Amino acid sequence: MLTLTENAQVAIRTIASEAGLPDSGGVRITMADAGDQFEMSLAPEPALSDAVIEADGARVFVPEDTATLLAEQELDAGLTPDGTGFSLRQQI
């Protein structure tokens, strides 16, 4: 299952709070239409078939088909020249 680093947890909580999402809200990760990249968006709640990954108040929603691709990945966050950036890496 996808895991979240502490940096990712803080970034997701901050983004969700600044966006005014309800407590049920979070970040949703899906496959882009081309099928070769992931997309992140804010969501007020998970879709019915989403897996919900929750860590210390940070919530990430992942559709079933995307969840299998992210099963052994870790989501991290860090500062970039453009603001907060997210990256995926293989879990160790």
C-alpha atoms as a PDB file:
ATOM      1  CA  MET A   1       0.000   0.000   0.000  1.00  0.00           C
ATOM      2  CA  LEU A   2       1.165   3.559  -0.706  1.00  0.00           C
ATOM      3  CA  THR A   3       2.840   5.164   2.298  1.00  0.00           C
ATOM      4  CA  LEU A   4       3.434   8.825   3.123  1.00  0.00           C
ATOM      5  CA  THR A   5       6.596  10.381   4.493  1.00  0.00           C
ATOM      6  CA  GLU A   6       6.287  12.882   7.313  1.00  0.00           C
ATOM      7  CA  ASN A   7       7.019  15.676   4.805  1.00  0.00           C
ATOM      8  CA  ALA A   8       4.176  14.470   2.562  1.00  0.00           C
ATOM      9  CA  GLN A   9       1.805  14.312   5.529  1.00  0.00           C
ATOM     10  CA  VAL A  10       2.563  17.913   6.508  1.00  0.00           C
ATOM     11  CA  ALA A  11       2.271  19.133   2.901  1.00  0.00           C
ATOM     12  CA  ILE A  12      -1.067  17.380   2.320  1.00  0.00           C
ATOM     13  CA  ARG A  13      -2.555  18.635   5.601  1.00  0.00           C
ATOM     14  CA  THR A  14      -1.395  22.172   4.775  1.00  0.00           C
ATOM     15  CA  ILE A  15      -2.715  22.125   1.203  1.00  0.00           C
ATOM     16  CA  ALA A  16      -6.060  20.677   2.279  1.00  0.00           C
ATOM     17  CA  SER A  17      -6.423  23.225   5.071  1.00  0.00           C
ATOM     18  CA  GLU A  18      -5.481  26.182   2.867  1.00  0.00           C
ATOM     19  CA  ALA A  19      -7.990  24.994   0.253  1.00  0.00           C
ATOM     20  CA  GLY A  20     -10.732  24.886   2.893  1.00  0.00           C
ATOM     21  CA  LEU A  21     -11.453  21.192   2.390  1.00  0.00           C
ATOM     22  CA  PRO A  22     -13.678  19.456   4.953  1.00  0.00           C
ATOM     23  CA  ASP A  23     -12.154  16.893   7.321  1.00  0.00           C
ATOM     24  CA  SER A  24     -13.231  14.199   4.836  1.00  0.00           C
ATOM     25  CA  GLY A  25     -11.109  15.821   2.095  1.00  0.00           C
ATOM     26  CA  GLY A  26      -7.619  15.189   0.858  1.00  0.00           C
ATOM     27  CA  VAL A  27      -5.472  14.675  -2.205  1.00  0.00           C
ATOM     28  CA  ARG A  28      -6.486  12.275  -4.985  1.00  0.00           C
ATOM     29  CA  ILE A  29      -3.856  10.554  -7.126  1.00  0.00           C
ATOM     30  CA  THR A  30      -4.985   9.210 -10.512  1.00  0.00           C
ATOM     31  CA  MET A  31      -3.396   8.111 -13.770  1.00  0.00           C
ATOM     32  CA  ALA A  32      -3.236  10.797 -16.454  1.00  0.00           C
ATOM     33  CA  ASP A  33      -5.229  10.143 -19.615  1.00  0.00           C
ATOM     34  CA  ALA A  34      -2.078   9.124 -21.486  1.00  0.00           C
ATOM     35  CA  GLY A  35      -1.466   6.470 -18.812  1.00  0.00           C
ATOM     36  CA  ASP A  36       2.195   7.335 -18.305  1.00  0.00           C
ATOM     37  CA  GLN A  37       1.998   9.872 -15.473  1.00  0.00           C
ATOM     38  CA  PHE A  38       0.185  10.401 -12.206  1.00  0.00           C
ATOM     39  CA  GLU A  39      -1.965  13.451 -11.478  1.00  0.00           C
ATOM     40  CA  MET A  40      -2.801  14.942  -8.109  1.00  0.00           C
ATOM     41  CA  SER A  41      -5.903  16.956  -7.335  1.00  0.00           C
ATOM     42  CA  LEU A  42      -7.813  18.108  -4.275  1.00  0.00           C
ATOM     43  CA  ALA A  43     -10.967  16.211  -3.418  1.00  0.00           C
ATOM     44  CA  PRO A  44     -13.590  16.960  -0.749  1.00  0.00           C
ATOM     45  CA  GLU A  45     -14.084  13.224  -0.188  1.00  0.00           C
ATOM     46  CA  PRO A  46     -13.011   9.893  -1.690  1.00  0.00           C
ATOM     47  CA  ALA A  47     -14.901   8.311  -4.574  1.00  0.00           C
ATOM     48  CA  LEU A  48     -16.781   5.132  -3.669  1.00  0.00           C
ATOM     49  CA  SER A  49     -14.122   2.812  -5.101  1.00  0.00           C
ATOM     50  CA  ASP A  50     -11.075   4.760  -3.834  1.00  0.00           C
ATOM     51  CA  ALA A  51      -8.577   3.304  -1.432  1.00  0.00           C
ATOM     52  CA  VAL A  52      -8.049   5.786   1.394  1.00  0.00           C
ATOM     53  CA  ILE A  53      -4.571   6.167   2.826  1.00  0.00           C
ATOM     54  CA  GLU A  54      -4.589   8.170   6.035  1.00  0.00           C
ATOM     55  CA  ALA A  55      -1.549   9.074   8.088  1.00  0.00           C
ATOM     56  CA  ASP A  56      -1.604  11.552  10.957  1.00  0.00           C
ATOM     57  CA  GLY A  57      -4.544  13.483   9.503  1.00  0.00           C
ATOM     58  CA  ALA A  58      -3.276  13.530   5.891  1.00  0.00           C
ATOM     59  CA  ARG A  59      -5.663  11.774   3.520  1.00  0.00           C
ATOM     60  CA  VAL A  60      -4.812  10.431   0.054  1.00  0.00           C
ATOM     61  CA  PHE A  61      -7.423   8.870  -2.224  1.00  0.00           C
ATOM     62  CA  VAL A  62      -6.396   6.403  -4.923  1.00  0.00           C
ATOM     63  CA  PRO A  63      -8.694   4.645  -7.440  1.00  0.00           C
ATOM     64  CA  GLU A  64      -8.443   0.840  -7.412  1.00  0.00           C
ATOM     65  CA  ASP A  65      -6.584   0.624 -10.736  1.00  0.00           C
ATOM     66  CA  THR A  66      -4.021   3.200  -9.636  1.00  0.00           C
ATOM     67  CA  ALA A  67      -3.656   1.688  -6.149  1.00  0.00           C
ATOM     68  CA  THR A  68      -2.025  -1.451  -7.562  1.00  0.00           C
ATOM     69  CA  LEU A  69       0.579   0.684  -9.386  1.00  0.00           C
ATOM     70  CA  LEU A  70       1.367   2.588  -6.187  1.00  0.00           C
ATOM     71  CA  ALA A  71       1.287  -0.420  -3.869  1.00  0.00           C
ATOM     72  CA  GLU A  72       5.016  -0.376  -3.084  1.00  0.00           C
ATOM     73  CA  GLN A  73       5.606   3.370  -3.444  1.00  0.00           C
ATOM     74  CA  GLU A  74       6.226   6.094  -0.885  1.00  0.00           C
ATOM     75  CA  LEU A  75       4.950   9.640  -1.443  1.00  0.00           C
ATOM     76  CA  ASP A  76       7.346  12.378  -0.387  1.00  0.00           C
ATOM     77  CA  ALA A  77       7.181  16.177  -0.526  1.00  0.00           C
ATOM     78  CA  GLY A  78       9.761  18.926  -0.586  1.00  0.00           C
ATOM     79  CA  LEU A  79      10.258  22.547  -1.485  1.00  0.00           C
ATOM     80  CA  THR A  80      10.996  23.423  -5.104  1.00  0.00           C
ATOM     81  CA  PRO A  81      11.511  26.822  -6.766  1.00  0.00           C
ATOM     82  CA  ASP A  82       7.791  26.649  -7.677  1.00  0.00           C
ATOM     83  CA  GLY A  83       6.544  25.715  -4.197  1.00  0.00           C
ATOM     84  CA  THR A  84       5.811  22.278  -2.773  1.00  0.00           C
ATOM     85  CA  GLY A  85       6.635  19.339  -5.017  1.00  0.00           C
ATOM     86  CA  PHE A  86       5.702  15.694  -4.599  1.00  0.00           C
ATOM     87  CA  SER A  87       7.644  12.629  -5.667  1.00  0.00           C
ATOM     88  CA  LEU A  88       7.200   8.891  -5.561  1.00  0.00           C
ATOM     89  CA  ARG A  89       9.919   6.436  -4.702  1.00  0.00           C
ATOM     90  CA  GLN A  90      10.125   2.699  -4.202  1.00  0.00           C
ATOM     91  CA  GLN A  91       9.631   1.682  -0.575  1.00  0.00           C
ATOM     92  CA  ILE A  92      12.736   0.235   1.011  1.00  0.00           C
END
